[in-house]
Amino acid sequence: MNIALPIITLIVGLAGGFFIGVYYLRRQMEKMQNNPEMLQKMAKQMGYNLNGKQMQKAQQMMKNQPAVPKRGQSRKR
């Protein structure tokens, strides 16, 4: 029992952290679709400087294809 409880707690914590992380990432991507400033900031952090036309194209791509498929869905190729 002294060994099993910490292992079970670790597994539950890792699983909970994973699902919280996925939820947070999905919410951030949804916010970025609606907020061009956030998208521009992310691009600059990655080393890209997007002009207006590139920004519109990036927003359109994000709206057309979700970044993280919802449960039970798969990405189309």
Protein backbone atom coordinates (compact mmCIF):
# COMPACT_ATOMS: atom_id res chain seq x y z
CA MET A 1 0.00 0.00 0.00
CA ASN A 2 2.92 2.36 0.67
CA ILE A 3 4.13 1.94 -2.91
CA ALA A 4 0.80 1.66 -4.73
CA LEU A 5 -0.75 4.92 -3.50
CA PRO A 6 2.03 7.23 -4.79
CA ILE A 7 2.07 5.42 -8.14
CA ILE A 8 -1.71 5.73 -8.52
CA THR A 9 -1.53 9.39 -7.51
CA LEU A 10 1.20 10.01 -10.09
CA ILE A 11 -0.81 8.36 -12.87
CA VAL A 12 -3.96 10.30 -11.98
CA GLY A 13 -1.97 13.55 -11.82
CA LEU A 14 -0.33 12.97 -15.19
CA ALA A 15 -3.65 12.12 -16.83
CA GLY A 16 -5.34 15.15 -15.27
CA GLY A 17 -2.50 17.43 -16.33
CA PHE A 18 -2.64 16.11 -19.88
CA PHE A 19 -6.37 16.76 -20.22
CA ILE A 20 -6.08 20.21 -18.66
CA GLY A 21 -3.24 21.01 -21.09
CA VAL A 22 -5.28 19.87 -24.11
CA TYR A 23 -8.25 21.95 -22.95
CA TYR A 24 -6.03 25.02 -22.46
CA LEU A 25 -4.37 24.61 -25.87
CA ARG A 26 -7.74 24.23 -27.60
CA ARG A 27 -9.06 27.39 -25.92
CA GLN A 28 -5.94 29.38 -26.87
CA MET A 29 -6.23 28.31 -30.51
CA GLU A 30 -9.90 29.32 -30.59
CA LYS A 31 -9.00 32.74 -29.16
CA MET A 32 -6.25 33.17 -31.75
CA GLN A 33 -8.70 32.59 -34.58
CA ASN A 34 -10.71 35.61 -33.48
CA ASN A 35 -7.83 37.85 -32.41
CA PRO A 36 -5.31 38.89 -35.09
CA GLU A 37 -3.03 40.51 -32.50
CA MET A 38 -2.51 37.20 -30.72
CA LEU A 39 -1.78 35.48 -34.03
CA GLN A 40 0.73 38.19 -34.95
CA LYS A 41 2.41 37.88 -31.54
CA MET A 42 2.72 34.11 -31.91
CA ALA A 43 4.20 34.50 -35.40
CA LYS A 44 6.78 37.00 -34.12
CA GLN A 45 7.77 34.62 -31.31
CA MET A 46 8.38 31.98 -33.95
CA GLY A 47 10.52 34.39 -35.99
CA TYR A 48 7.99 35.30 -38.69
CA ASN A 49 6.80 38.78 -39.60
CA LEU A 50 3.41 38.50 -41.32
CA ASN A 51 2.03 41.23 -43.56
CA GLY A 52 -1.72 41.89 -43.85
CA LYS A 53 -2.34 39.43 -46.67
CA GLN A 54 -0.41 36.64 -44.92
CA MET A 55 -2.29 37.38 -41.69
CA GLN A 56 -5.66 37.02 -43.41
CA LYS A 57 -4.57 33.76 -45.03
CA ALA A 58 -3.37 32.38 -41.67
CA GLN A 59 -6.65 33.31 -39.97
CA GLN A 60 -8.63 31.72 -42.79
CA MET A 61 -6.60 28.52 -42.55
CA MET A 62 -7.14 28.34 -38.78
CA LYS A 63 -10.90 28.83 -39.17
CA ASN A 64 -11.20 26.18 -41.88
CA GLN A 65 -9.22 23.47 -40.07
CA PRO A 66 -9.26 23.02 -36.29
CA ALA A 67 -5.79 22.76 -34.74
CA VAL A 68 -6.72 19.94 -32.38
CA PRO A 69 -9.38 17.44 -33.53
CA LYS A 70 -12.21 17.04 -31.05
CA ARG A 71 -12.76 13.71 -29.40
CA GLY A 72 -13.88 11.04 -31.84
CA GLN A 73 -12.81 13.03 -34.92
CA SER A 74 -9.79 12.58 -37.09
CA ARG A 75 -8.08 15.02 -39.39
CA LYS A 76 -8.86 14.74 -43.08
CA ARG A 77 -5.87 14.59 -45.40
